[in-house]
Amino acid sequence: MDKKKEYEEEISDILRKVMETSYQRKRNSDKIISLLKTIRQEGEPEELSESLINEYTELKKRVLNNLGIQENE
């Protein structure tokens, strides 16, 4: 019976991690869509605000991190 309980706990931990990752990806997707819409409204690259560029950079790092990719700086 203890083995069954261990397996159930392990499976629930895995499912929790999957759901957390899925939620993060959904949040990142929503932010990417919002960011792209803002960029399209801004127009030319020289008109893009510094905060928008910083937001893009931070979002890119988070997305790559969620995918398990380490970006070389």
PDB file of N, CA and C in Angstrom:
ATOM      1  N   MET A   1       0.818  -1.196   0.000  1.00  0.00           N
ATOM      2  CA  MET A   1       0.000   0.000   0.000  1.00  0.00           C
ATOM      3  C   MET A   1       0.865   1.265   0.000  1.00  0.00           C
ATOM      4  N   ASP A   2       2.036   1.202   0.664  1.00  0.00           N
ATOM      5  CA  ASP A   2       2.925   2.353   0.701  1.00  0.00           C
ATOM      6  C   ASP A   2       3.455   2.705  -0.687  1.00  0.00           C
ATOM      7  N   LYS A   3       3.743   1.686  -1.483  1.00  0.00           N
ATOM      8  CA  LYS A   3       4.226   1.926  -2.850  1.00  0.00           C
ATOM      9  C   LYS A   3       3.180   2.678  -3.662  1.00  0.00           C
ATOM     10  N   LYS A   4       1.924   2.270  -3.504  1.00  0.00           N
ATOM     11  CA  LYS A   4       0.842   2.925  -4.234  1.00  0.00           C
ATOM     12  C   LYS A   4       0.769   4.395  -3.840  1.00  0.00           C
ATOM     13  N   LYS A   5       0.888   4.686  -2.571  1.00  0.00           N
ATOM     14  CA  LYS A   5       0.839   6.065  -2.079  1.00  0.00           C
ATOM     15  C   LYS A   5       2.018   6.867  -2.636  1.00  0.00           C
ATOM     16  N   GLU A   6       3.198   6.260  -2.658  1.00  0.00           N
ATOM     17  CA  GLU A   6       4.382   6.922  -3.211  1.00  0.00           C
ATOM     18  C   GLU A   6       4.171   7.263  -4.686  1.00  0.00           C
ATOM     19  N   TYR A   7       3.635   6.314  -5.443  1.00  0.00           N
ATOM     20  CA  TYR A   7       3.371   6.545  -6.860  1.00  0.00           C
ATOM     21  C   TYR A   7       2.344   7.659  -7.054  1.00  0.00           C
ATOM     22  N   GLU A   8       1.305   7.653  -6.248  1.00  0.00           N
ATOM     23  CA  GLU A   8       0.280   8.692  -6.347  1.00  0.00           C
ATOM     24  C   GLU A   8       0.871  10.069  -6.064  1.00  0.00           C
ATOM     25  N   GLU A   9       1.731  10.158  -5.045  1.00  0.00           N
ATOM     26  CA  GLU A   9       2.366  11.429  -4.715  1.00  0.00           C
ATOM     27  C   GLU A   9       3.301  11.874  -5.831  1.00  0.00           C
ATOM     28  N   GLU A  10       4.050  10.930  -6.375  1.00  0.00           N
ATOM     29  CA  GLU A  10       4.974  11.251  -7.465  1.00  0.00           C
ATOM     30  C   GLU A  10       4.206  11.734  -8.692  1.00  0.00           C
ATOM     31  N   ILE A  11       3.126  11.048  -9.018  1.00  0.00           N
ATOM     32  CA  ILE A  11       2.303  11.446 -10.164  1.00  0.00           C
ATOM     33  C   ILE A  11       1.683  12.817  -9.928  1.00  0.00           C
ATOM     34  N   SER A  12       1.202  13.075  -8.726  1.00  0.00           N
ATOM     35  CA  SER A  12       0.600  14.385  -8.445  1.00  0.00           C
ATOM     36  C   SER A  12       1.649  15.494  -8.510  1.00  0.00           C
ATOM     37  N   ASP A  13       2.886  15.216  -8.072  1.00  0.00           N
ATOM     38  CA  ASP A  13       3.966  16.201  -8.191  1.00  0.00           C
ATOM     39  C   ASP A  13       4.264  16.512  -9.655  1.00  0.00           C
ATOM     40  N   ILE A  14       4.326  15.470 -10.463  1.00  0.00           N
ATOM     41  CA  ILE A  14       4.591  15.654 -11.892  1.00  0.00           C
ATOM     42  C   ILE A  14       3.467  16.453 -12.542  1.00  0.00           C
ATOM     43  N   LEU A  15       2.229  16.106 -12.234  1.00  0.00           N
ATOM     44  CA  LEU A  15       1.089  16.832 -12.804  1.00  0.00           C
ATOM     45  C   LEU A  15       1.091  18.296 -12.376  1.00  0.00           C
ATOM     46  N   ARG A  16       1.435  18.552 -11.130  1.00  0.00           N
ATOM     47  CA  ARG A  16       1.506  19.927 -10.635  1.00  0.00           C
ATOM     48  C   ARG A  16       2.549  20.725 -11.422  1.00  0.00           C
ATOM     49  N   LYS A  17       3.717  20.122 -11.646  1.00  0.00           N
ATOM     50  CA  LYS A  17       4.774  20.793 -12.403  1.00  0.00           C
ATOM     51  C   LYS A  17       4.334  21.043 -13.842  1.00  0.00           C
ATOM     52  N   VAL A  18       3.661  20.074 -14.438  1.00  0.00           N
ATOM     53  CA  VAL A  18       3.164  20.235 -15.809  1.00  0.00           C
ATOM     54  C   VAL A  18       2.163  21.380 -15.876  1.00  0.00           C
ATOM     55  N   MET A  19       1.261  21.438 -14.905  1.00  0.00           N
ATOM     56  CA  MET A  19       0.255  22.500 -14.889  1.00  0.00           C
ATOM     57  C   MET A  19       0.900  23.868 -14.670  1.00  0.00           C
ATOM     58  N   GLU A  20       1.903  23.944 -13.795  1.00  0.00           N
ATOM     59  CA  GLU A  20       2.605  25.205 -13.563  1.00  0.00           C
ATOM     60  C   GLU A  20       3.305  25.668 -14.834  1.00  0.00           C
ATOM     61  N   THR A  21       3.971  24.742 -15.514  1.00  0.00           N
ATOM     62  CA  THR A  21       4.656  25.078 -16.758  1.00  0.00           C
ATOM     63  C   THR A  21       3.656  25.517 -17.816  1.00  0.00           C
ATOM     64  N   SER A  22       2.548  24.819 -17.905  1.00  0.00           N
ATOM     65  CA  SER A  22       1.504  25.169 -18.866  1.00  0.00           C
ATOM     66  C   SER A  22       0.959  26.566 -18.583  1.00  0.00           C
ATOM     67  N   TYR A  23       0.735  26.864 -17.311  1.00  0.00           N
ATOM     68  CA  TYR A  23       0.237  28.187 -16.922  1.00  0.00           C
ATOM     69  C   TYR A  23       1.252  29.264 -17.286  1.00  0.00           C
ATOM     70  N   GLN A  24       2.544  29.014 -17.022  1.00  0.00           N
ATOM     71  CA  GLN A  24       3.586  29.985 -17.364  1.00  0.00           C
ATOM     72  C   GLN A  24       3.636  30.221 -18.870  1.00  0.00           C
ATOM     73  N   ARG A  25       3.532  29.155 -19.636  1.00  0.00           N
ATOM     74  CA  ARG A  25       3.563  29.299 -21.094  1.00  0.00           C
ATOM     75  C   ARG A  25       2.361  30.088 -21.593  1.00  0.00           C
ATOM     76  N   LYS A  26       1.193  29.842 -21.004  1.00  0.00           N
ATOM     77  CA  LYS A  26      -0.014  30.584 -21.379  1.00  0.00           C
ATOM     78  C   LYS A  26       0.171  32.062 -21.058  1.00  0.00           C
ATOM     79  N   ARG A  27       0.677  32.347 -19.856  1.00  0.00           N
ATOM     80  CA  ARG A  27       0.924  33.737 -19.467  1.00  0.00           C
ATOM     81  C   ARG A  27       1.923  34.394 -20.408  1.00  0.00           C
ATOM     82  N   ASN A  28       3.002  33.683 -20.723  1.00  0.00           N
ATOM     83  CA  ASN A  28       4.003  34.225 -21.633  1.00  0.00           C
ATOM     84  C   ASN A  28       3.415  34.451 -23.020  1.00  0.00           C
ATOM     85  N   SER A  29       2.573  33.538 -23.489  1.00  0.00           N
ATOM     86  CA  SER A  29       1.931  33.706 -24.794  1.00  0.00           C
ATOM     87  C   SER A  29       1.058  34.950 -24.814  1.00  0.00           C
ATOM     88  N   ASP A  30       0.292  35.154 -23.750  1.00  0.00           N
ATOM     89  CA  ASP A  30      -0.553  36.345 -23.664  1.00  0.00           C
ATOM     90  C   ASP A  30       0.291  37.614 -23.674  1.00  0.00           C
ATOM     91  N   LYS A  31       1.410  37.587 -22.946  1.00  0.00           N
ATOM     92  CA  LYS A  31       2.279  38.766 -22.906  1.00  0.00           C
ATOM     93  C   LYS A  31       2.946  39.006 -24.256  1.00  0.00           C
ATOM     94  N   ILE A  32       3.326  37.929 -24.938  1.00  0.00           N
ATOM     95  CA  ILE A  32       3.934  38.073 -26.262  1.00  0.00           C
ATOM     96  C   ILE A  32       2.941  38.707 -27.227  1.00  0.00           C
ATOM     97  N   ILE A  33       1.703  38.247 -27.200  1.00  0.00           N
ATOM     98  CA  ILE A  33       0.671  38.806 -28.079  1.00  0.00           C
ATOM     99  C   ILE A  33       0.476  40.284 -27.785  1.00  0.00           C
ATOM    100  N   SER A  34       0.385  40.631 -26.521  1.00  0.00           N
ATOM    101  CA  SER A  34       0.218  42.028 -26.122  1.00  0.00           C
ATOM    102  C   SER A  34       1.416  42.864 -26.561  1.00  0.00           C
ATOM    103  N   LEU A  35       2.605  42.327 -26.360  1.00  0.00           N
ATOM    104  CA  LEU A  35       3.823  43.031 -26.739  1.00  0.00           C
ATOM    105  C   LEU A  35       3.894  43.239 -28.244  1.00  0.00           C
ATOM    106  N   LEU A  36       3.551  42.220 -29.018  1.00  0.00           N
ATOM    107  CA  LEU A  36       3.570  42.354 -30.477  1.00  0.00           C
ATOM    108  C   LEU A  36       2.569  43.404 -30.956  1.00  0.00           C
ATOM    109  N   LYS A  37       1.392  43.425 -30.344  1.00  0.00           N
ATOM    110  CA  LYS A  37       0.404  44.437 -30.711  1.00  0.00           C
ATOM    111  C   LYS A  37       0.930  45.831 -30.427  1.00  0.00           C
ATOM    112  N   THR A  38       1.584  45.994 -29.280  1.00  0.00           N
ATOM    113  CA  THR A  38       2.146  47.296 -28.918  1.00  0.00           C
ATOM    114  C   THR A  38       3.241  47.698 -29.888  1.00  0.00           C
ATOM    115  N   ILE A  39       4.104  46.755 -30.238  1.00  0.00           N
ATOM    116  CA  ILE A  39       5.189  47.050 -31.178  1.00  0.00           C
ATOM    117  C   ILE A  39       4.622  47.472 -32.525  1.00  0.00           C
ATOM    118  N   ARG A  40       3.601  46.779 -32.989  1.00  0.00           N
ATOM    119  CA  ARG A  40       2.993  47.128 -34.275  1.00  0.00           C
ATOM    120  C   ARG A  40       2.383  48.519 -34.244  1.00  0.00           C
ATOM    121  N   GLN A  41       1.840  48.910 -33.104  1.00  0.00           N
ATOM    122  CA  GLN A  41       1.243  50.236 -32.984  1.00  0.00           C
ATOM    123  C   GLN A  41       2.304  51.325 -32.901  1.00  0.00           C
ATOM    124  N   GLU A  42       3.481  50.993 -32.373  1.00  0.00           N
ATOM    125  CA  GLU A  42       4.548  51.982 -32.207  1.00  0.00           C
ATOM    126  C   GLU A  42       5.084  52.460 -33.555  1.00  0.00           C
ATOM    127  N   GLY A  43       5.159  51.568 -34.521  1.00  0.00           N
ATOM    128  CA  GLY A  43       5.650  51.977 -35.832  1.00  0.00           C
ATOM    129  C   GLY A  43       7.097  51.606 -36.052  1.00  0.00           C
ATOM    130  N   GLU A  44       7.899  52.594 -36.429  1.00  0.00           N
ATOM    131  CA  GLU A  44       9.296  52.372 -36.789  1.00  0.00           C
ATOM    132  C   GLU A  44      10.141  52.004 -35.566  1.00  0.00           C
ATOM    133  N   PRO A  45      11.213  51.208 -35.783  1.00  0.00           N
ATOM    134  CA  PRO A  45      12.061  50.772 -34.668  1.00  0.00           C
ATOM    135  C   PRO A  45      12.635  51.910 -33.822  1.00  0.00           C
ATOM    136  N   GLU A  46      12.981  53.030 -34.432  1.00  0.00           N
ATOM    137  CA  GLU A  46      13.550  54.131 -33.654  1.00  0.00           C
ATOM    138  C   GLU A  46      12.519  54.761 -32.717  1.00  0.00           C
ATOM    139  N   GLU A  47      11.231  54.467 -32.959  1.00  0.00           N
ATOM    140  CA  GLU A  47      10.174  55.005 -32.111  1.00  0.00           C
ATOM    141  C   GLU A  47       9.863  54.102 -30.914  1.00  0.00           C
ATOM    142  N   LEU A  48      10.415  52.897 -30.894  1.00  0.00           N
ATOM    143  CA  LEU A  48      10.128  51.965 -29.802  1.00  0.00           C
ATOM    144  C   LEU A  48      10.724  52.483 -28.499  1.00  0.00           C
ATOM    145  N   SER A  49       9.932  52.437 -27.454  1.00  0.00           N
ATOM    146  CA  SER A  49      10.400  52.932 -26.164  1.00  0.00           C
ATOM    147  C   SER A  49      11.371  51.942 -25.524  1.00  0.00           C
ATOM    148  N   GLU A  50      12.229  52.466 -24.664  1.00  0.00           N
ATOM    149  CA  GLU A  50      13.207  51.637 -23.959  1.00  0.00           C
ATOM    150  C   GLU A  50      12.514  50.612 -23.067  1.00  0.00           C
ATOM    151  N   SER A  51      11.415  51.000 -22.437  1.00  0.00           N
ATOM    152  CA  SER A  51      10.701  50.068 -21.557  1.00  0.00           C
ATOM    153  C   SER A  51      10.117  48.903 -22.352  1.00  0.00           C
ATOM    154  N   LEU A  52       9.666  49.170 -23.571  1.00  0.00           N
ATOM    155  CA  LEU A  52       9.126  48.115 -24.422  1.00  0.00           C
ATOM    156  C   LEU A  52      10.224  47.124 -24.809  1.00  0.00           C
ATOM    157  N   ILE A  53      11.394  47.641 -25.114  1.00  0.00           N
ATOM    158  CA  ILE A  53      12.528  46.783 -25.462  1.00  0.00           C
ATOM    159  C   ILE A  53      12.956  45.955 -24.251  1.00  0.00           C
ATOM    160  N   ASN A  54      12.979  46.578 -23.070  1.00  0.00           N
ATOM    161  CA  ASN A  54      13.326  45.846 -21.845  1.00  0.00           C
ATOM    162  C   ASN A  54      12.304  44.759 -21.550  1.00  0.00           C
ATOM    163  N   GLU A  55      11.034  45.059 -21.750  1.00  0.00           N
ATOM    164  CA  GLU A  55       9.972  44.071 -21.530  1.00  0.00           C
ATOM    165  C   GLU A  55      10.156  42.883 -22.469  1.00  0.00           C
ATOM    166  N   TYR A  56      10.482  43.179 -23.732  1.00  0.00           N
ATOM    167  CA  TYR A  56      10.719  42.113 -24.705  1.00  0.00           C
ATOM    168  C   TYR A  56      11.894  41.237 -24.271  1.00  0.00           C
ATOM    169  N   THR A  57      12.984  41.861 -23.849  1.00  0.00           N
ATOM    170  CA  THR A  57      14.178  41.125 -23.447  1.00  0.00           C
ATOM    171  C   THR A  57      13.891  40.222 -22.252  1.00  0.00           C
ATOM    172  N   GLU A  58      13.188  40.753 -21.257  1.00  0.00           N
ATOM    173  CA  GLU A  58      12.851  39.965 -20.068  1.00  0.00           C
ATOM    174  C   GLU A  58      11.924  38.803 -20.426  1.00  0.00           C
ATOM    175  N   LEU A  59      10.946  39.072 -21.265  1.00  0.00           N
ATOM    176  CA  LEU A  59      10.005  38.030 -21.681  1.00  0.00           C
ATOM    177  C   LEU A  59      10.725  36.931 -22.462  1.00  0.00           C
ATOM    178  N   LYS A  60      11.641  37.324 -23.323  1.00  0.00           N
ATOM    179  CA  LYS A  60      12.412  36.356 -24.104  1.00  0.00           C
ATOM    180  C   LYS A  60      13.215  35.444 -23.180  1.00  0.00           C
ATOM    181  N   LYS A  61      13.845  36.032 -22.155  1.00  0.00           N
ATOM    182  CA  LYS A  61      14.612  35.225 -21.199  1.00  0.00           C
ATOM    183  C   LYS A  61      13.715  34.230 -20.478  1.00  0.00           C
ATOM    184  N   ARG A  62      12.534  34.675 -20.048  1.00  0.00           N
ATOM    185  CA  ARG A  62      11.616  33.790 -19.327  1.00  0.00           C
ATOM    186  C   ARG A  62      11.127  32.652 -20.208  1.00  0.00           C
ATOM    187  N   VAL A  63      10.808  32.971 -21.464  1.00  0.00           N
ATOM    188  CA  VAL A  63      10.326  31.936 -22.385  1.00  0.00           C
ATOM    189  C   VAL A  63      11.420  30.898 -22.624  1.00  0.00           C
ATOM    190  N   LEU A  64      12.630  31.367 -22.884  1.00  0.00           N
ATOM    191  CA  LEU A  64      13.735  30.431 -23.107  1.00  0.00           C
ATOM    192  C   LEU A  64      14.003  29.598 -21.858  1.00  0.00           C
ATOM    193  N   ASN A  65      13.911  30.229 -20.694  1.00  0.00           N
ATOM    194  CA  ASN A  65      14.104  29.502 -19.440  1.00  0.00           C
ATOM    195  C   ASN A  65      13.028  28.432 -19.264  1.00  0.00           C
ATOM    196  N   ASN A  66      11.776  28.773 -19.582  1.00  0.00           N
ATOM    197  CA  ASN A  66      10.688  27.800 -19.482  1.00  0.00           C
ATOM    198  C   ASN A  66      10.889  26.625 -20.431  1.00  0.00           C
ATOM    199  N   LEU A  67      11.547  26.882 -21.542  1.00  0.00           N
ATOM    200  CA  LEU A  67      11.817  25.822 -22.507  1.00  0.00           C
ATOM    201  C   LEU A  67      13.084  25.041 -22.157  1.00  0.00           C
ATOM    202  N   GLY A  68      13.787  25.495 -21.114  1.00  0.00           N
ATOM    203  CA  GLY A  68      15.008  24.817 -20.690  1.00  0.00           C
ATOM    204  C   GLY A  68      16.218  25.202 -21.507  1.00  0.00           C
ATOM    205  N   ILE A  69      16.168  26.363 -22.144  1.00  0.00           N
ATOM    206  CA  ILE A  69      17.270  26.830 -22.979  1.00  0.00           C
ATOM    207  C   ILE A  69      17.988  27.954 -22.247  1.00  0.00           C
ATOM    208  N   GLN A  70      19.303  27.819 -22.102  1.00  0.00           N
ATOM    209  CA  GLN A  70      20.097  28.877 -21.483  1.00  0.00           C
ATOM    210  C   GLN A  70      20.672  29.747 -22.589  1.00  0.00           C
ATOM    211  N   GLU A  71      20.364  31.028 -22.528  1.00  0.00           N
ATOM    212  CA  GLU A  71      20.829  31.955 -23.554  1.00  0.00           C
ATOM    213  C   GLU A  71      22.212  32.471 -23.182  1.00  0.00           C
ATOM    214  N   ASN A  72      23.143  32.423 -24.133  1.00  0.00           N
ATOM    215  CA  ASN A  72      24.482  32.970 -23.913  1.00  0.00           C
ATOM    216  C   ASN A  72      24.446  34.464 -24.139  1.00  0.00           C
ATOM    217  N   GLU A  73      25.015  35.193 -23.165  1.00  0.00           N
ATOM    218  CA  GLU A  73      24.987  36.656 -23.305  1.00  0.00           C
ATOM    219  C   GLU A  73      26.290  37.173 -23.817  1.00  0.00           C
TER     220      GLU A  73
END
